[in-house]
């Protein structure tokens, strides 16, 4: 079970960066955007906040508190230059993985069961 969860969240930082590259958002809005974009993926809210904390600690995100709306203040996350570089790196890694998986699927399609 733990292995399945790890696989589901392996690329979570990439998807968080992708969502934030479109516009700055607070944690709840990031979750909502991810659920909308990845309906088949069960995304734990806690995993999102842990990833945000790591991304911010690594300098890939910055944040500011927004108290301009009614209710509690919200932490708004923004991409940094380092975040954009990391997003580029994720793109390359995912393209490579996609090519390898495509090769697997092509080889599999050529198989016939005895």
Protein backbone atom coordinates (compact mmCIF):
# COMPACT_ATOMS: atom_id res chain seq x y z
CA UNK A 1 0.00 0.00 0.00
CA UNK A 2 2.80 2.41 0.88
CA UNK A 3 4.48 1.68 -2.47
CA UNK A 4 1.28 2.60 -4.32
CA UNK A 5 1.07 5.92 -2.44
CA UNK A 6 4.71 6.67 -3.26
CA UNK A 7 4.09 6.03 -6.94
CA UNK A 8 1.04 8.28 -6.93
CA UNK A 9 2.94 11.19 -5.37
CA UNK A 10 6.29 10.73 -7.13
CA UNK A 11 5.52 13.49 -9.63
CA UNK A 12 3.41 15.59 -7.28
CA UNK A 13 6.06 18.35 -7.05
CA UNK A 14 6.11 18.53 -10.86
CA UNK A 15 2.35 18.96 -11.01
CA UNK A 16 2.40 21.55 -8.23
CA UNK A 17 5.05 23.55 -10.10
CA UNK A 18 3.03 23.25 -13.31
CA UNK A 19 -0.11 24.60 -11.62
CA UNK A 20 1.83 27.45 -10.01
CA UNK A 21 3.51 28.29 -13.32
CA UNK A 22 0.05 29.20 -14.58
CA UNK A 23 -0.68 31.52 -11.65
CA UNK A 24 0.13 31.96 -7.95
CA UNK A 25 -2.29 30.11 -5.66
CA UNK A 26 -2.87 29.10 -2.06
CA UNK A 27 -2.74 25.47 -0.94
CA UNK A 28 -6.48 24.81 -1.26
CA UNK A 29 -6.57 26.25 -4.78
CA UNK A 30 -3.54 24.13 -5.71
CA UNK A 31 -5.38 21.03 -4.46
CA UNK A 32 -8.52 21.96 -6.41
CA UNK A 33 -6.52 22.55 -9.61
CA UNK A 34 -4.74 19.20 -9.22
CA UNK A 35 -7.99 17.32 -8.61
CA UNK A 36 -9.47 18.92 -11.72
CA UNK A 37 -6.36 18.21 -13.84
CA UNK A 38 -5.74 14.68 -12.51
CA UNK A 39 -9.16 13.19 -11.71
CA UNK A 40 -7.83 9.62 -11.56
CA UNK A 41 -5.16 10.44 -8.98
CA UNK A 42 -6.08 10.41 -5.31
CA UNK A 43 -4.25 13.42 -3.94
CA UNK A 44 -3.80 13.70 -0.19
CA UNK A 45 -4.02 17.31 0.98
CA UNK A 46 -1.27 16.63 3.50
CA UNK A 47 1.04 15.43 0.72
CA UNK A 48 0.46 18.70 -1.14
CA UNK A 49 1.38 20.78 1.90
CA UNK A 50 4.46 18.63 2.60
CA UNK A 51 5.55 19.07 -1.03
CA UNK A 52 4.93 22.83 -0.86
CA UNK A 53 7.06 23.05 2.28
CA UNK A 54 9.90 21.16 0.58
CA UNK A 55 9.64 23.17 -2.65
CA UNK A 56 9.77 26.40 -0.66
CA UNK A 57 12.71 25.18 1.48
CA UNK A 58 14.55 24.26 -1.73
CA UNK A 59 13.98 27.78 -3.11
CA UNK A 60 11.71 26.65 -5.93
CA UNK A 61 8.75 28.55 -4.49
CA UNK A 62 8.29 31.69 -2.47
CA UNK A 63 5.20 32.69 -0.54
CA UNK A 64 3.40 35.68 0.90
CA UNK A 65 0.52 35.85 3.32
CA UNK A 66 -2.68 37.32 1.88
CA UNK A 67 -5.11 38.71 4.43
CA UNK A 68 -7.08 40.80 1.94
CA UNK A 69 -10.10 38.48 1.82
CA UNK A 70 -12.52 37.65 4.63
CA UNK A 71 -11.53 34.71 6.80
CA UNK A 72 -8.09 33.50 7.74
CA UNK A 73 -5.02 34.71 5.89
CA UNK A 74 -3.87 32.45 3.07
CA UNK A 75 -0.32 31.63 2.10
CA UNK A 76 0.04 32.35 -1.63
CA UNK A 77 2.78 30.43 -3.41
CA UNK A 78 4.77 31.86 -6.34
CA UNK A 79 7.27 30.27 -8.70
CA UNK A 80 10.90 31.37 -8.42
CA UNK A 81 13.58 31.21 -11.12
CA UNK A 82 14.83 28.03 -9.44
CA UNK A 83 11.28 26.65 -9.63
CA UNK A 84 11.15 27.33 -13.36
CA UNK A 85 14.49 25.54 -13.77
CA UNK A 86 13.17 22.57 -11.80
CA UNK A 87 9.99 22.52 -13.91
CA UNK A 88 12.20 22.36 -17.03
CA UNK A 89 14.05 19.45 -15.46
CA UNK A 90 10.78 17.65 -14.69
CA UNK A 91 9.70 18.15 -18.31
CA UNK A 92 12.88 16.50 -19.58
CA UNK A 93 12.58 13.63 -17.13
CA UNK A 94 8.92 13.01 -18.01
CA UNK A 95 9.65 13.16 -21.76
CA UNK A 96 12.38 10.56 -21.27
CA UNK A 97 10.13 8.33 -19.17
CA UNK A 98 7.35 8.71 -21.76
CA UNK A 99 9.71 7.57 -24.54
CA UNK A 100 10.82 4.54 -22.53
CA UNK A 101 7.22 3.61 -21.73
CA UNK A 102 6.31 4.06 -25.41
CA UNK A 103 9.07 1.62 -26.34
CA UNK A 104 7.69 -0.85 -23.81
CA UNK A 105 4.16 -0.52 -25.19
CA UNK A 106 5.38 -0.92 -28.78
CA UNK A 107 7.30 -4.08 -27.87
CA UNK A 108 4.33 -5.40 -25.90
CA UNK A 109 2.00 -4.79 -28.86
CA UNK A 110 4.23 -7.03 -30.96
CA UNK A 111 3.95 -9.98 -28.58
CA UNK A 112 1.71 -12.98 -29.07
CA UNK A 113 0.86 -15.45 -26.35
CA UNK A 114 1.93 -19.03 -26.96
